[in-house]
């Protein structure tokens, strides 16, 4: 396990380019299994979760050819079904939550698959009911082996149907969409997730020959096809990394410019940061955060305490709630921050309290933050990253704090952020990996 040694209290400056979207990359990598033709993917982030999915594809017999930084060619013409039963495949599968999106493509190729429980962040219960419901409506049956902790999924005919998702699950929607593209007849998916990376997956599948209508909405209509062709696809910039850099600039009183930003597509993210009083200047495909010595949390129109909460798209992403907490600590004012999805995601705030943060964890889902402004500085401490987003939030807090902090379990941050130490050091941070 690696750790970060963070020398805080420094202002940063400069320009940074976001990596490719982690969440989109995991989806489109799994989708390469849906065809036996060549698929080329550009702008894949070099992070451990992506490397894990690529390793799983290699175990399955996919030929992967590097084409340059972030670009690869994939050919799944000759798959090895028995690879699913190898211990190396099982161990790698359990490292990352995104591996569950291999389910639909493997079913399309083999009709019957056996997979272990997927891994991922420890942020609360993350069941597979959305996947079971979506694929079940298309004719897939499931059996769980509690002793081996494996799921067996199989079908006789993959048949189009009406699918009402039990929740707007991003990975559940991805599996349902990929399966429906290969099913017989028409499938209607209602209460579908519609995040930018789901839209990108749908556009990629359309370029492969799929028939998908309603992209960008929560109602998708899909006419199944018997065959999908190869394609070339470029992964979007990572919306969550862009949000993290906005929070970093505000908390450290820094001026930063973020390039390669799909401004309009990600616009729901900017609104919440502006509610915190952060100035965001849009210039074409760049976003500039000017140096602000102080910023003030906006009040509601009626003067009441402002509440920040996550919601399904186009609401504010759950994965940025941790960053908002750290940003609010350095603003002036009060905020109630409500994270609805996972009951363990907010427990990382104990580390912030040790650093001198003025906040109260009201319950597993709500935090009341008292922002005392940048004049009040957090102090350094030793802490541990429990998940990807808590990790980057603690890193932002450490960079803004006085003194030298140590963040254990930095591997969690590496799962979602490419070479974060080198990229931030290029902006003037002092961050060592040990």
Protein backbone atom coordinates (compact mmCIF):
# COMPACT_ATOMS: atom_id res chain seq x y z
CA UNK A 1 0.00 0.00 0.00
CA UNK A 2 1.29 3.45 -0.89
CA UNK A 3 0.71 6.69 0.98
CA UNK A 4 0.86 10.38 0.17
CA UNK A 5 2.95 12.83 2.18
CA UNK A 6 1.30 16.21 1.63
CA UNK A 7 2.97 19.51 2.48
CA UNK A 8 0.00 21.83 2.64
CA UNK A 9 -0.61 25.55 2.67
CA UNK A 10 0.63 26.30 -0.85
CA UNK A 11 -1.21 28.21 -3.54
CA UNK A 12 -1.35 26.49 -6.90
CA UNK A 13 -1.51 27.96 -10.37
CA UNK A 14 -1.52 26.88 -13.97
CA UNK A 15 -3.49 24.82 -16.46
CA UNK A 16 -4.56 21.20 -16.12
CA UNK A 17 -6.21 18.82 -18.56
CA UNK A 18 -8.69 16.32 -17.11
CA UNK A 19 -8.25 12.63 -17.75
CA UNK A 20 -10.77 10.55 -19.66
CA UNK A 21 -13.92 9.65 -17.73
CA UNK A 22 -13.38 6.69 -15.42
CA UNK A 23 -17.05 5.72 -15.35
CA UNK A 24 -17.44 5.93 -19.12
CA UNK A 25 -14.20 4.04 -19.73
CA UNK A 26 -15.33 1.03 -17.68
CA UNK A 27 -18.59 0.85 -19.63
CA UNK A 28 -17.16 1.14 -23.13
CA UNK A 29 -14.38 -1.33 -22.32
CA UNK A 30 -17.00 -3.93 -21.39
CA UNK A 31 -18.94 -3.11 -24.57
CA UNK A 32 -15.98 -4.20 -26.74
CA UNK A 33 -17.08 -7.79 -26.01
CA UNK A 34 -20.35 -7.27 -27.93
CA UNK A 35 -18.63 -7.59 -31.33
CA UNK A 36 -15.98 -9.79 -32.92
CA UNK A 37 -14.78 -6.81 -34.96
CA UNK A 38 -12.08 -4.29 -34.04
CA UNK A 39 -12.97 -1.49 -31.62
CA UNK A 40 -10.61 1.44 -31.04
CA UNK A 41 -10.92 3.51 -27.86
CA UNK A 42 -9.19 6.84 -27.29
CA UNK A 43 -8.66 8.90 -24.12
CA UNK A 44 -8.78 5.98 -21.69
CA UNK A 45 -7.43 7.08 -18.29
CA UNK A 46 -4.37 5.24 -16.98
CA UNK A 47 -5.88 4.31 -13.61
CA UNK A 48 -6.01 1.05 -11.70
CA UNK A 49 -9.75 0.40 -12.25
CA UNK A 50 -9.31 0.67 -16.02
CA UNK A 51 -6.24 -1.56 -15.89
CA UNK A 52 -8.27 -4.16 -13.94
CA UNK A 53 -11.02 -4.28 -16.59
CA UNK A 54 -8.42 -4.52 -19.35
CA UNK A 55 -6.75 -7.39 -17.50
CA UNK A 56 -10.12 -9.18 -17.29
CA UNK A 57 -10.59 -8.71 -21.04
CA UNK A 58 -7.14 -10.19 -21.61
CA UNK A 59 -8.01 -13.22 -19.45
CA UNK A 60 -11.10 -13.69 -21.66
CA UNK A 61 -8.97 -13.78 -24.79
CA UNK A 62 -9.43 -10.22 -26.06
CA UNK A 63 -6.44 -9.03 -28.08
CA UNK A 64 -5.46 -5.55 -26.91
CA UNK A 65 -3.01 -3.47 -28.94
CA UNK A 66 -1.64 -0.16 -27.58
CA UNK A 67 -1.83 2.70 -30.09
CA UNK A 68 -0.33 5.49 -28.00
CA UNK A 69 -1.09 7.15 -24.67
CA UNK A 70 -4.72 6.42 -23.76
CA UNK A 71 -5.50 4.73 -27.10
CA UNK A 72 -5.99 0.98 -27.62
CA UNK A 73 -7.35 -1.44 -30.19
CA UNK A 74 -9.56 -4.31 -28.99
CA UNK A 75 -10.53 -7.49 -30.80
CA UNK A 76 -12.83 -9.98 -29.06
CA UNK A 77 -13.08 -12.40 -32.01
CA UNK A 78 -11.86 -15.42 -30.05
CA UNK A 79 -13.07 -15.52 -26.46
CA UNK A 80 -12.19 -18.16 -23.91
CA UNK A 81 -15.29 -19.13 -21.97
CA UNK A 82 -13.41 -21.17 -19.39
CA UNK A 83 -11.49 -18.08 -18.27
CA UNK A 84 -14.47 -17.18 -16.06
CA UNK A 85 -13.63 -20.13 -13.82
CA UNK A 86 -9.96 -19.28 -13.31
CA UNK A 87 -8.89 -18.03 -9.90
CA UNK A 88 -6.93 -15.13 -11.43
CA UNK A 89 -10.09 -13.94 -13.21
CA UNK A 90 -12.08 -14.22 -9.99
CA UNK A 91 -9.56 -12.21 -7.96
CA UNK A 92 -9.36 -9.43 -10.52
CA UNK A 93 -13.16 -9.31 -10.91
CA UNK A 94 -13.63 -8.65 -7.20
CA UNK A 95 -11.28 -5.64 -7.21
CA UNK A 96 -13.55 -3.23 -9.03
CA UNK A 97 -17.29 -2.51 -9.04
CA UNK A 98 -17.31 -1.81 -12.77
CA UNK A 99 -16.58 -5.46 -13.54
CA UNK A 100 -20.32 -6.14 -13.12
CA UNK A 101 -20.84 -4.51 -16.54
CA UNK A 102 -19.14 -7.51 -18.13
CA UNK A 103 -22.30 -9.45 -17.30
CA UNK A 104 -24.49 -8.42 -20.26
CA UNK A 105 -21.74 -8.66 -22.91
CA UNK A 106 -20.65 -12.09 -21.64
CA UNK A 107 -24.26 -13.28 -21.69
CA UNK A 108 -24.61 -12.04 -25.27
CA UNK A 109 -21.56 -14.11 -26.25
CA UNK A 110 -21.97 -17.24 -24.11
CA UNK A 111 -25.67 -17.41 -23.01
CA UNK A 112 -24.56 -18.64 -19.57
CA UNK A 113 -21.98 -17.04 -17.28
CA UNK A 114 -20.69 -17.41 -13.74
CA UNK A 115 -19.35 -14.32 -12.01
CA UNK A 116 -18.23 -13.55 -8.44
CA UNK A 117 -19.56 -10.59 -6.47
CA UNK A 118 -17.95 -7.39 -7.80
CA UNK A 119 -15.72 -5.24 -5.60
CA UNK A 120 -15.40 -1.45 -5.37
CA UNK A 121 -15.60 1.28 -2.75
CA UNK A 122 -16.75 0.54 0.79
CA UNK A 123 -19.43 3.21 0.99
CA UNK A 124 -22.45 1.15 2.05
CA UNK A 125 -24.71 -1.49 0.56
CA UNK A 126 -24.46 -1.75 -3.20
CA UNK A 127 -26.78 -4.53 -4.26
CA UNK A 128 -27.25 -5.99 -7.73
CA UNK A 129 -31.05 -5.73 -7.76
CA UNK A 130 -31.07 -3.18 -10.62
CA UNK A 131 -28.99 -5.55 -12.75
CA UNK A 132 -31.11 -8.58 -11.85
CA UNK A 133 -34.33 -6.69 -12.60
CA UNK A 134 -33.18 -5.20 -15.89
CA UNK A 135 -31.71 -8.39 -17.31
CA UNK A 136 -34.44 -10.54 -15.76
CA UNK A 137 -37.12 -8.73 -17.77
CA UNK A 138 -35.19 -9.67 -20.92
CA UNK A 139 -35.29 -13.39 -20.08
CA UNK A 140 -32.16 -13.90 -17.97
CA UNK A 141 -32.48 -16.10 -14.86
CA UNK A 142 -30.13 -15.90 -11.89
CA UNK A 143 -29.00 -18.27 -9.16
CA UNK A 144 -26.75 -17.31 -6.25
CA UNK A 145 -24.25 -19.73 -4.68
CA UNK A 146 -23.75 -18.42 -1.13
CA UNK A 147 -20.86 -20.80 -0.44
CA UNK A 148 -18.78 -19.69 -3.41
CA UNK A 149 -20.27 -16.16 -3.52
CA UNK A 150 -20.97 -16.43 -7.23
CA UNK A 151 -23.88 -15.64 -9.51
CA UNK A 152 -24.91 -17.92 -12.38
CA UNK A 153 -26.85 -16.13 -15.11
CA UNK A 154 -28.33 -17.75 -18.21
CA UNK A 155 -31.11 -17.50 -20.77
CA UNK A 156 -32.74 -19.51 -23.54
CA UNK A 157 -33.81 -16.48 -25.59
CA UNK A 158 -32.89 -12.86 -25.01
CA UNK A 159 -36.24 -11.21 -25.66
CA UNK A 160 -37.07 -7.52 -25.80
CA UNK A 161 -39.50 -6.32 -23.14
CA UNK A 162 -40.73 -3.39 -21.04
CA UNK A 163 -38.19 -2.76 -18.28
CA UNK A 164 -39.00 -0.50 -15.34
CA UNK A 165 -35.72 -0.02 -13.51
CA UNK A 166 -36.08 -0.17 -9.69
CA UNK A 167 -33.68 2.77 -9.49
CA UNK A 168 -31.75 4.95 -11.94
CA UNK A 169 -28.63 2.80 -11.56
CA UNK A 170 -25.86 3.79 -13.97
CA UNK A 171 -24.22 0.37 -14.14
CA UNK A 172 -27.62 -1.35 -14.07
CA UNK A 173 -28.77 0.78 -17.00
CA UNK A 174 -25.54 0.03 -18.88
CA UNK A 175 -26.10 -3.72 -18.52
CA UNK A 176 -29.76 -3.46 -19.56
CA UNK A 177 -28.90 -1.32 -22.61
CA UNK A 178 -26.12 -3.64 -23.81
CA UNK A 179 -28.34 -6.71 -23.41
CA UNK A 180 -31.32 -5.03 -25.11
CA UNK A 181 -29.17 -4.14 -28.14
CA UNK A 182 -28.68 -7.88 -28.75
CA UNK A 183 -32.21 -9.02 -27.76
CA UNK A 184 -34.98 -9.97 -30.19
CA UNK A 185 -37.57 -7.27 -30.70
CA UNK A 186 -38.15 -3.95 -28.96
CA UNK A 187 -37.12 -3.06 -25.41
CA UNK A 188 -38.34 -0.02 -23.49
CA UNK A 189 -36.25 0.96 -20.47
CA UNK A 190 -37.96 3.45 -18.15
CA UNK A 191 -36.34 5.20 -15.17
CA UNK A 192 -33.04 4.69 -16.95
CA UNK A 193 -29.93 6.56 -15.80
CA UNK A 194 -29.04 9.35 -18.24
CA UNK A 195 -25.63 10.60 -17.01
CA UNK A 196 -23.20 11.82 -19.69
CA UNK A 197 -21.27 8.55 -19.59
CA UNK A 198 -24.48 6.54 -20.20
CA UNK A 199 -25.22 8.84 -23.13
CA UNK A 200 -21.69 8.24 -24.43
CA UNK A 201 -22.11 4.44 -24.17
CA UNK A 202 -25.37 4.66 -26.13
CA UNK A 203 -23.75 6.79 -28.84
CA UNK A 204 -20.91 4.28 -29.12
CA UNK A 205 -23.38 1.39 -29.47
CA UNK A 206 -25.29 3.31 -32.15
CA UNK A 207 -22.04 3.76 -34.08
CA UNK A 208 -21.68 -0.05 -33.87
CA UNK A 209 -25.11 -0.55 -35.45
CA UNK A 210 -27.46 -0.50 -32.44
CA UNK A 211 -30.87 1.20 -32.67
CA UNK A 212 -31.37 3.34 -29.55
CA UNK A 213 -33.86 6.21 -29.23
CA UNK A 214 -34.28 8.62 -26.33
CA UNK A 215 -30.58 9.06 -25.55
CA UNK A 216 -30.17 11.68 -22.83
CA UNK A 217 -33.58 10.95 -21.28
CA UNK A 218 -34.78 8.38 -18.73
CA UNK A 219 -36.87 6.58 -21.35
CA UNK A 220 -34.88 4.51 -23.84
CA UNK A 221 -36.37 2.54 -26.71
CA UNK A 222 -34.10 -0.08 -28.24
CA UNK A 223 -34.67 -2.30 -31.28
CA UNK A 224 -32.47 -5.36 -30.96
CA UNK A 225 -30.07 -6.37 -33.71
CA UNK A 226 -28.39 -9.67 -34.48
CA UNK A 227 -24.94 -8.21 -34.95
CA UNK A 228 -22.82 -5.25 -33.92
CA UNK A 229 -19.87 -3.94 -35.92
CA UNK A 230 -16.58 -2.41 -34.81
CA UNK A 231 -16.15 1.31 -34.18
CA UNK A 232 -13.82 4.07 -32.98
CA UNK A 233 -14.83 5.98 -29.86
CA UNK A 234 -13.27 8.78 -27.79
CA UNK A 235 -14.01 8.88 -24.06
CA UNK A 236 -15.29 12.17 -22.60
CA UNK A 237 -13.29 14.19 -20.09
CA UNK A 238 -13.94 13.10 -16.51
CA UNK A 239 -16.71 15.22 -15.01
CA UNK A 240 -15.81 14.13 -11.48
CA UNK A 241 -12.15 15.04 -11.89
CA UNK A 242 -13.16 18.46 -13.23
CA UNK A 243 -15.34 18.97 -10.16
CA UNK A 244 -12.46 17.89 -7.94
CA UNK A 245 -10.15 20.47 -9.55
CA UNK A 246 -12.76 23.21 -9.02
CA UNK A 247 -12.85 22.27 -5.33
CA UNK A 248 -9.06 22.17 -5.17
CA UNK A 249 -8.76 25.70 -6.60
CA UNK A 250 -11.31 27.12 -4.16
CA UNK A 251 -9.96 25.41 -1.03
CA UNK A 252 -6.32 26.36 -1.72
CA UNK A 253 -7.06 29.92 -2.87
CA UNK A 254 -5.59 29.15 -6.27
CA UNK A 255 -6.15 30.27 -9.84
CA UNK A 256 -6.53 27.28 -12.15
CA UNK A 257 -7.62 26.75 -15.74
CA UNK A 258 -9.16 23.40 -16.71
CA UNK A 259 -9.10 22.56 -20.42
CA UNK A 260 -11.10 20.10 -22.54
CA UNK A 261 -14.34 20.66 -20.64
CA UNK A 262 -17.72 19.85 -22.30
CA UNK A 263 -19.23 22.98 -20.73
CA UNK A 264 -22.90 22.50 -21.65
CA UNK A 265 -22.98 18.74 -21.12
CA UNK A 266 -21.64 19.07 -17.57
CA UNK A 267 -23.51 22.27 -16.69
CA UNK A 268 -25.49 20.78 -13.75
CA UNK A 269 -22.18 20.45 -11.88
CA UNK A 270 -21.28 24.14 -12.15
CA UNK A 271 -24.51 25.36 -10.52
CA UNK A 272 -23.78 23.75 -7.16
CA UNK A 273 -20.23 25.10 -7.02
CA UNK A 274 -21.53 28.58 -7.84
CA UNK A 275 -23.98 28.25 -4.91
CA UNK A 276 -20.87 27.99 -2.74
CA UNK A 277 -19.76 31.39 -4.03
CA UNK A 278 -17.07 30.10 -6.39
CA UNK A 279 -16.49 32.15 -9.54
CA UNK A 280 -16.34 30.01 -12.69
CA UNK A 281 -15.42 31.64 -15.98
CA UNK A 282 -16.28 29.75 -19.17
CA UNK A 283 -14.04 30.26 -22.20
CA UNK A 284 -14.93 27.94 -25.05
CA UNK A 285 -13.98 24.48 -23.81
CA UNK A 286 -11.97 25.81 -20.87
CA UNK A 287 -13.09 26.61 -17.35
CA UNK A 288 -11.13 29.19 -15.35
CA UNK A 289 -11.33 29.50 -11.57
CA UNK A 290 -9.78 32.83 -10.57
CA UNK A 291 -7.99 33.31 -7.25
CA UNK A 292 -10.50 34.17 -4.54
CA UNK A 293 -9.29 35.21 -1.11
CA UNK A 294 -12.76 34.43 0.19
CA UNK A 295 -16.09 33.13 -1.04
CA UNK A 296 -19.52 33.09 0.60
CA UNK A 297 -22.15 30.37 0.56
CA UNK A 298 -25.31 31.73 -1.04
CA UNK A 299 -28.50 31.68 0.99
CA UNK A 300 -31.84 30.52 -0.34
CA UNK A 301 -34.13 33.20 -1.79
CA UNK A 302 -36.19 33.17 1.41
CA UNK A 303 -33.07 33.52 3.55
CA UNK A 304 -33.06 29.94 4.79
CA UNK A 305 -30.00 27.74 5.18
CA UNK A 306 -28.83 26.43 1.82
CA UNK A 307 -28.99 22.67 1.31
CA UNK A 308 -26.81 20.73 -1.09
CA UNK A 309 -27.97 17.26 -2.06
CA UNK A 310 -27.13 14.65 -4.65
CA UNK A 311 -29.68 13.46 -7.18
CA UNK A 312 -29.98 11.40 -10.32
CA UNK A 313 -28.85 13.24 -13.44
CA UNK A 314 -29.29 16.08 -14.20
CA UNK A 315 -28.97 16.50 -10.45
CA UNK A 316 -25.66 16.97 -8.66
CA UNK A 317 -23.49 13.80 -8.81
CA UNK A 318 -23.24 11.78 -5.61
CA UNK A 319 -19.52 11.27 -6.22
CA UNK A 320 -18.84 15.02 -5.77
CA UNK A 321 -20.62 15.43 -2.43
CA UNK A 322 -17.39 14.66 -0.54
CA UNK A 323 -15.59 17.42 -2.45
CA UNK A 324 -18.40 19.90 -1.74
CA UNK A 325 -18.00 19.27 2.00
CA UNK A 326 -14.33 20.25 1.91
CA UNK A 327 -15.05 23.31 -0.25
CA UNK A 328 -17.83 24.44 2.11
CA UNK A 329 -15.41 24.29 5.05
CA UNK A 330 -13.31 27.01 3.41
CA UNK A 331 -16.27 29.23 2.50
CA UNK A 332 -18.08 31.73 4.72
CA UNK A 333 -21.47 30.57 5.92
CA UNK A 334 -23.48 27.49 6.85
CA UNK A 335 -24.61 24.60 4.66
CA UNK A 336 -26.55 21.39 5.16
CA UNK A 337 -25.16 18.72 2.84
CA UNK A 338 -27.36 15.71 2.18
CA UNK A 339 -25.88 12.57 0.60
CA UNK A 340 -28.79 10.23 -0.06
CA UNK A 341 -27.41 7.14 -1.74
CA UNK A 342 -24.88 5.41 0.54
CA UNK A 343 -24.98 5.10 4.30
CA UNK A 344 -21.20 4.91 4.79
CA UNK A 345 -19.92 7.52 2.35
CA UNK A 346 -19.78 10.43 4.83
CA UNK A 347 -17.84 8.70 7.60
CA UNK A 348 -14.60 10.16 6.22
CA UNK A 349 -15.55 13.51 7.80
CA UNK A 350 -14.08 12.21 11.09
CA UNK A 351 -10.68 12.96 9.54
CA UNK A 352 -11.80 16.51 8.73
CA UNK A 353 -12.91 17.01 12.33
CA UNK A 354 -9.44 15.89 13.47
CA UNK A 355 -8.05 18.60 11.19
CA UNK A 356 -10.13 21.23 12.99
CA UNK A 357 -13.15 21.36 10.68
CA UNK A 358 -16.31 22.84 12.14
CA UNK A 359 -18.97 20.37 11.10
CA UNK A 360 -21.48 17.96 12.58
CA UNK A 361 -22.33 14.56 11.14
CA UNK A 362 -26.06 14.69 11.85
CA UNK A 363 -26.68 11.11 10.70
CA UNK A 364 -25.14 8.77 8.08
CA UNK A 365 -26.56 10.91 5.29
CA UNK A 366 -26.32 14.55 6.43
CA UNK A 367 -23.53 16.93 7.43
CA UNK A 368 -23.95 20.46 8.79
CA UNK A 369 -20.90 22.48 7.79
CA UNK A 370 -19.89 25.76 9.43
CA UNK A 371 -17.63 27.51 6.95
CA UNK A 372 -15.19 29.89 8.60
CA UNK A 373 -13.47 31.04 5.41
CA UNK A 374 -9.92 30.61 4.19
CA UNK A 375 -8.60 32.74 7.05
CA UNK A 376 -9.22 29.72 9.29
CA UNK A 377 -6.83 26.97 8.23
CA UNK A 378 -7.16 23.27 8.86
CA UNK A 379 -4.16 21.62 10.48
CA UNK A 380 -2.27 18.58 9.25
CA UNK A 381 -2.99 15.05 10.46
CA UNK A 382 -2.60 11.39 9.53
CA UNK A 383 -5.56 9.81 7.80
CA UNK A 384 -6.64 6.99 5.50
CA UNK A 385 -8.57 6.98 2.23
CA UNK A 386 -11.67 4.79 2.48
CA UNK A 387 -12.87 5.24 -1.11
CA UNK A 388 -11.93 7.12 -4.27
CA UNK A 389 -13.94 10.29 -3.64
CA UNK A 390 -13.24 10.47 0.08
CA UNK A 391 -9.58 10.08 -0.84
CA UNK A 392 -9.47 13.02 -3.25
CA UNK A 393 -11.43 15.13 -0.75
CA UNK A 394 -8.93 14.39 2.02
CA UNK A 395 -6.12 15.20 -0.41
CA UNK A 396 -7.72 18.59 -1.16
CA UNK A 397 -8.10 19.23 2.58
CA UNK A 398 -4.45 18.30 3.18
CA UNK A 399 -3.24 20.59 0.39
CA UNK A 400 -5.22 23.46 1.92
CA UNK A 401 -4.10 22.76 5.51
CA UNK A 402 -1.08 24.05 7.38
CA UNK A 403 1.66 21.48 7.94
CA UNK A 404 2.42 18.01 6.60
CA UNK A 405 -0.34 15.42 6.37
CA UNK A 406 -0.06 11.71 5.59
CA UNK A 407 -2.81 9.94 3.64
CA UNK A 408 -2.65 6.17 3.95
CA UNK A 409 -4.16 3.82 1.37
CA UNK A 410 -3.40 6.14 -1.51
CA UNK A 411 -4.11 3.23 -3.85
CA UNK A 412 -7.80 4.08 -3.46
CA UNK A 413 -7.18 7.50 -4.98
CA UNK A 414 -5.18 5.91 -7.81
CA UNK A 415 -8.28 3.91 -8.75
CA UNK A 416 -9.91 7.08 -10.03
CA UNK A 417 -7.21 9.70 -10.62
CA UNK A 418 -4.35 9.31 -13.08
CA UNK A 419 -0.87 10.22 -11.78
CA UNK A 420 -2.50 12.71 -9.43
CA UNK A 421 0.70 13.42 -7.50
CA UNK A 422 2.72 14.37 -10.59
CA UNK A 423 -0.08 16.41 -12.13
CA UNK A 424 -0.71 18.43 -8.97
CA UNK A 425 3.01 18.94 -8.34
CA UNK A 426 3.19 20.50 -11.80
CA UNK A 427 0.74 23.13 -10.49
CA UNK A 428 2.92 23.94 -7.48
CA UNK A 429 1.73 21.37 -4.92
CA UNK A 430 4.20 19.50 -2.71
CA UNK A 431 3.04 15.90 -2.77
CA UNK A 432 5.25 12.84 -2.25
CA UNK A 433 4.37 9.18 -2.77
CA UNK A 434 5.89 6.69 -0.33
